[in-house]
């Protein structure tokens, strides 16, 4: 997969729910090829930030610019076409459909044919379908899910469904991949596999990513840069080694350095 341009600029972002301010004046920049993590305690505004970037929430104020296009008020499907894909805290797959069918659904934005040619299955439609399948097979091989490709998603273990959801997001061929707690609920072995996939995606595939995650050992080992949110405000931003020793982060978020996977 070739590295695709993904320049994201979030400036002065605010999000209100009635009288409650979920996000207050947050700035974030992500450059092509980066793997940036967003961390913070429960209720810090992490998922709200991701929801604004991916179009599920509309900011109360501020700007979100992606590849020089202001996207703050665009609908989700338009953001997908612009190259933003995501996974969710709670798995959003179709349990009664196979792994392959779930992933095929993500290819609809890349289909150039209409209803009539599809009904008649013109040669051009067949050629395009073959191309879509080749892309999916590459993703299936990469994620090592060949053995479950025809299985119903609802019959799979939780960790494997997480892997399938990542595959469906990759099937969109996103310029920017937004991951909301991709390691939640996984066993240690499943987490190790997911770490391997994300590192290869970022390194070999050149995939730009924003990652929200609570497992600090993973965050500190794979992130290139980390932003910390607390009560909807940006508390700190920097390299992993800067964040893990930041006194305000330790005090407001984790309590003590041992929780960051550090020696006291």
Protein backbone atom coordinates (compact mmCIF):
# COMPACT_ATOMS: atom_id res chain seq x y z
CA UNK A 1 0.00 0.00 0.00
CA UNK A 2 1.45 3.37 -0.98
CA UNK A 3 1.70 6.17 1.55
CA UNK A 4 -1.27 8.48 1.09
CA UNK A 5 -1.32 12.13 2.08
CA UNK A 6 -3.01 12.71 5.43
CA UNK A 7 -2.50 16.19 6.87
CA UNK A 8 -4.90 16.89 9.73
CA UNK A 9 -5.12 20.21 11.54
CA UNK A 10 -7.48 20.67 14.50
CA UNK A 11 -7.56 24.26 15.78
CA UNK A 12 -9.39 25.63 18.82
CA UNK A 13 -11.89 22.78 18.84
CA UNK A 14 -14.81 23.10 21.26
CA UNK A 15 -17.74 20.72 21.69
CA UNK A 16 -20.71 21.44 23.94
CA UNK A 17 -23.61 19.23 24.99
CA UNK A 18 -26.08 21.74 26.40
CA UNK A 19 -24.29 23.32 29.34
CA UNK A 20 -21.56 20.70 29.40
CA UNK A 21 -18.31 21.36 27.56
CA UNK A 22 -16.86 18.02 26.41
CA UNK A 23 -13.91 19.55 24.53
CA UNK A 24 -12.40 22.96 25.20
CA UNK A 25 -10.03 24.74 22.81
CA UNK A 26 -8.09 21.65 21.67
CA UNK A 27 -5.40 21.81 18.99
CA UNK A 28 -3.94 18.77 17.25
CA UNK A 29 -1.80 18.29 14.16
CA UNK A 30 -1.15 14.97 12.45
CA UNK A 31 1.24 14.65 9.52
CA UNK A 32 1.37 12.01 6.81
CA UNK A 33 2.91 8.78 8.07
CA UNK A 34 2.58 9.57 11.78
CA UNK A 35 1.13 7.33 14.49
CA UNK A 36 -0.27 9.74 17.09
CA UNK A 37 -1.91 8.60 20.32
CA UNK A 38 -4.55 10.43 22.35
CA UNK A 39 -4.73 9.41 25.99
CA UNK A 40 -6.57 10.53 29.11
CA UNK A 41 -8.82 9.24 31.89
CA UNK A 42 -12.40 8.15 31.29
CA UNK A 43 -14.50 11.18 30.36
CA UNK A 44 -11.51 13.20 29.19
CA UNK A 45 -13.05 13.76 25.75
CA UNK A 46 -10.99 11.31 23.70
CA UNK A 47 -13.85 9.64 21.83
CA UNK A 48 -15.62 12.99 21.47
CA UNK A 49 -12.52 14.30 19.70
CA UNK A 50 -12.48 11.29 17.38
CA UNK A 51 -16.20 11.70 16.72
CA UNK A 52 -15.63 15.30 15.64
CA UNK A 53 -12.78 14.31 13.34
CA UNK A 54 -14.85 11.53 11.75
CA UNK A 55 -18.10 13.48 11.42
CA UNK A 56 -20.26 11.84 14.09
CA UNK A 57 -20.31 15.07 16.14
CA UNK A 58 -20.32 18.63 14.79
CA UNK A 59 -17.97 20.97 16.69
CA UNK A 60 -19.50 23.92 18.52
CA UNK A 61 -16.55 26.03 17.39
CA UNK A 62 -13.05 25.69 15.99
CA UNK A 63 -11.72 24.24 12.73
CA UNK A 64 -10.86 20.78 11.46
CA UNK A 65 -8.91 20.77 8.19
CA UNK A 66 -7.94 17.59 6.36
CA UNK A 67 -5.69 17.84 3.31
CA UNK A 68 -6.57 21.53 3.00
CA UNK A 69 -10.33 20.86 3.10
CA UNK A 70 -12.35 22.14 6.07
CA UNK A 71 -14.34 19.12 7.24
CA UNK A 72 -15.91 20.18 10.55
CA UNK A 73 -19.45 20.27 9.17
CA UNK A 74 -19.23 17.57 6.51
CA UNK A 75 -21.32 14.38 6.87
CA UNK A 76 -19.59 11.11 7.72
CA UNK A 77 -19.92 9.57 4.25
CA UNK A 78 -18.19 12.58 2.72
CA UNK A 79 -15.30 12.22 5.15
CA UNK A 80 -15.01 8.56 4.19
CA UNK A 81 -14.71 9.57 0.55
CA UNK A 82 -12.06 12.13 1.49
CA UNK A 83 -10.03 9.31 3.03
CA UNK A 84 -10.87 9.06 6.75
CA UNK A 85 -11.68 5.60 8.12
CA UNK A 86 -12.19 4.41 11.69
CA UNK A 87 -12.85 1.59 14.10
CA UNK A 88 -15.04 1.85 17.21
CA UNK A 89 -14.88 1.10 20.93
CA UNK A 90 -17.87 -1.19 20.52
CA UNK A 91 -17.50 -3.42 17.48
CA UNK A 92 -19.75 -2.20 14.64
CA UNK A 93 -19.89 -5.26 12.37
CA UNK A 94 -22.83 -7.24 10.94
CA UNK A 95 -22.80 -10.46 13.01
CA UNK A 96 -25.08 -12.36 10.60
CA UNK A 97 -22.75 -11.81 7.65
CA UNK A 98 -19.43 -13.46 6.83
CA UNK A 99 -16.05 -11.86 7.37
CA UNK A 100 -15.61 -11.41 3.63
CA UNK A 101 -19.06 -9.86 3.17
CA UNK A 102 -18.45 -7.40 6.02
CA UNK A 103 -15.23 -6.31 4.35
CA UNK A 104 -16.80 -6.12 0.89
CA UNK A 105 -19.30 -3.58 2.23
CA UNK A 106 -16.43 -1.16 2.77
CA UNK A 107 -15.56 -1.24 -0.93
CA UNK A 108 -18.82 0.45 -1.97
CA UNK A 109 -17.20 3.91 -1.97
CA UNK A 110 -14.74 2.69 -4.61
CA UNK A 111 -17.38 1.20 -6.94
CA UNK A 112 -17.72 3.15 -10.18
CA UNK A 113 -20.62 1.21 -11.73
CA UNK A 114 -24.36 1.75 -11.22
CA UNK A 115 -27.35 -0.50 -10.63
CA UNK A 116 -27.98 -1.33 -14.30
CA UNK A 117 -24.47 -2.53 -15.21
CA UNK A 118 -24.28 -4.42 -11.91
CA UNK A 119 -27.56 -6.21 -12.65
CA UNK A 120 -26.34 -7.25 -16.10
CA UNK A 121 -22.84 -7.96 -14.74
CA UNK A 122 -21.07 -6.27 -17.62
CA UNK A 123 -17.44 -7.24 -18.28
CA UNK A 124 -16.32 -3.91 -16.81
CA UNK A 125 -18.23 -4.71 -13.61
CA UNK A 126 -16.65 -8.16 -13.43
CA UNK A 127 -13.16 -6.66 -13.87
CA UNK A 128 -13.81 -4.14 -11.11
CA UNK A 129 -15.16 -6.83 -8.76
CA UNK A 130 -11.99 -8.85 -9.33
CA UNK A 131 -9.90 -5.83 -8.42
CA UNK A 132 -11.88 -5.28 -5.20
CA UNK A 133 -11.45 -8.93 -4.23
CA UNK A 134 -7.70 -8.77 -4.82
CA UNK A 135 -7.44 -5.81 -2.45
CA UNK A 136 -9.47 -7.63 0.20
CA UNK A 137 -7.41 -10.80 -0.14
CA UNK A 138 -4.26 -8.76 0.47
CA UNK A 139 -5.79 -7.38 3.68
CA UNK A 140 -7.04 -10.82 4.75
CA UNK A 141 -3.57 -12.29 4.26
CA UNK A 142 -1.96 -9.38 6.12
CA UNK A 143 -4.27 -9.77 9.13
CA UNK A 144 -3.92 -13.57 9.07
CA UNK A 145 -7.67 -14.22 8.98
CA UNK A 146 -7.74 -16.57 5.97
CA UNK A 147 -9.13 -19.39 8.12
CA UNK A 148 -12.24 -17.38 9.13
CA UNK A 149 -12.91 -15.52 5.87
CA UNK A 150 -16.20 -17.40 5.24
CA UNK A 151 -17.27 -17.62 8.90
CA UNK A 152 -20.14 -15.55 10.32
CA UNK A 153 -18.74 -12.65 12.30
CA UNK A 154 -21.11 -13.37 15.19
CA UNK A 155 -19.50 -16.80 15.69
CA UNK A 156 -15.97 -15.42 16.10
CA UNK A 157 -14.13 -14.72 19.38
CA UNK A 158 -14.07 -11.08 20.46
CA UNK A 159 -10.42 -10.53 19.61
CA UNK A 160 -10.87 -11.91 16.11
CA UNK A 161 -13.86 -9.63 15.54
CA UNK A 162 -11.63 -6.68 16.49
CA UNK A 163 -9.21 -7.83 13.81
CA UNK A 164 -12.02 -8.07 11.25
CA UNK A 165 -13.16 -4.55 12.08
CA UNK A 166 -9.63 -3.32 11.44
CA UNK A 167 -9.73 -5.17 8.12
CA UNK A 168 -12.98 -3.50 7.13
CA UNK A 169 -11.53 -0.08 7.94
CA UNK A 170 -8.46 -0.87 5.84
CA UNK A 171 -10.74 -1.96 2.97
CA UNK A 172 -11.78 1.68 2.69
CA UNK A 173 -8.14 2.44 1.77
CA UNK A 174 -8.12 5.40 4.17
CA UNK A 175 -5.51 8.11 4.09
CA UNK A 176 -6.10 8.59 7.84
CA UNK A 177 -7.06 5.64 10.05
CA UNK A 178 -8.72 6.52 13.37
CA UNK A 179 -8.65 3.74 15.99
CA UNK A 180 -10.79 3.97 19.12
CA UNK A 181 -9.49 1.51 21.73
CA UNK A 182 -8.53 -1.30 19.31
CA UNK A 183 -6.96 -3.33 22.15
CA UNK A 184 -9.93 -3.20 24.56
CA UNK A 185 -11.05 -6.63 25.77
CA UNK A 186 -8.21 -8.52 24.12
CA UNK A 187 -6.00 -11.20 25.62
CA UNK A 188 -2.25 -10.60 25.86
CA UNK A 189 -1.60 -12.73 22.78
CA UNK A 190 -4.27 -10.89 20.79
CA UNK A 191 -2.77 -7.55 21.84
CA UNK A 192 0.68 -8.67 20.69
CA UNK A 193 -0.75 -9.58 17.28
CA UNK A 194 -2.55 -6.22 16.99
CA UNK A 195 0.63 -4.33 17.94
CA UNK A 196 2.47 -6.19 15.19
CA UNK A 197 -0.21 -5.31 12.64
CA UNK A 198 -0.30 -1.62 13.57
CA UNK A 199 3.48 -1.26 13.51
CA UNK A 200 3.67 -2.88 10.08
CA UNK A 201 0.79 -0.75 8.80
CA UNK A 202 2.55 2.38 9.92
CA UNK A 203 6.06 1.36 8.94
CA UNK A 204 5.76 -0.76 5.80
CA UNK A 205 2.39 0.45 4.49
CA UNK A 206 2.89 4.10 5.47
CA UNK A 207 -0.54 4.26 7.13
CA UNK A 208 -1.23 7.48 9.07
CA UNK A 209 -3.07 6.76 12.33
CA UNK A 210 -4.67 8.40 15.36
CA UNK A 211 -4.96 5.95 18.24
CA UNK A 212 -6.99 6.19 21.44
CA UNK A 213 -6.04 3.51 23.95
CA UNK A 214 -5.83 2.93 27.72
CA UNK A 215 -3.01 0.36 27.72
CA UNK A 216 -0.03 2.57 28.50
CA UNK A 217 2.59 -0.09 27.81
CA UNK A 218 1.31 -0.29 24.23
CA UNK A 219 0.96 3.47 23.84
CA UNK A 220 4.50 4.12 25.02
CA UNK A 221 5.97 1.44 22.78
CA UNK A 222 4.31 2.21 19.44
CA UNK A 223 3.34 5.91 19.44
CA UNK A 224 5.52 8.51 17.78
CA UNK A 225 3.76 11.37 19.56
CA UNK A 226 1.17 11.56 22.34
CA UNK A 227 -1.48 14.11 23.24
CA UNK A 228 -3.03 14.00 26.72
CA UNK A 229 -6.58 15.19 27.38
CA UNK A 230 -8.01 15.91 30.81
CA UNK A 231 -11.56 17.21 31.40
CA UNK A 232 -11.78 18.08 27.69
CA UNK A 233 -8.63 20.20 27.66
CA UNK A 234 -5.19 19.44 26.27
CA UNK A 235 -2.94 18.79 29.23
CA UNK A 236 0.28 17.93 27.38
CA UNK A 237 1.69 16.85 24.04
CA UNK A 238 5.05 15.40 23.10
CA UNK A 239 7.22 12.35 22.57
CA UNK A 240 6.45 9.23 24.67
CA UNK A 241 9.51 9.78 26.87
CA UNK A 242 8.38 13.36 27.54
CA UNK A 243 4.82 12.36 28.40
CA UNK A 244 5.74 9.47 30.69
CA UNK A 245 7.73 11.80 32.93
CA UNK A 246 5.41 14.81 32.72
CA UNK A 247 4.42 15.74 36.32
CA UNK A 248 0.97 17.08 35.41
CA UNK A 249 0.16 13.94 33.42
CA UNK A 250 1.24 11.72 36.29
CA UNK A 251 -0.74 13.77 38.79
CA UNK A 252 -3.95 14.36 36.83
CA UNK A 253 -4.20 11.17 34.82
CA UNK A 254 -2.31 8.24 36.28
CA UNK A 255 -1.48 9.12 39.84
CA UNK A 256 2.09 7.76 39.90
CA UNK A 257 4.83 6.75 37.46
CA UNK A 258 4.40 3.02 37.98
CA UNK A 259 1.04 3.17 36.19
CA UNK A 260 2.86 4.38 33.09
CA UNK A 261 4.89 1.21 33.02
CA UNK A 262 7.91 3.03 34.43
CA UNK A 263 10.16 2.36 37.34
CA UNK A 264 9.39 4.58 40.29
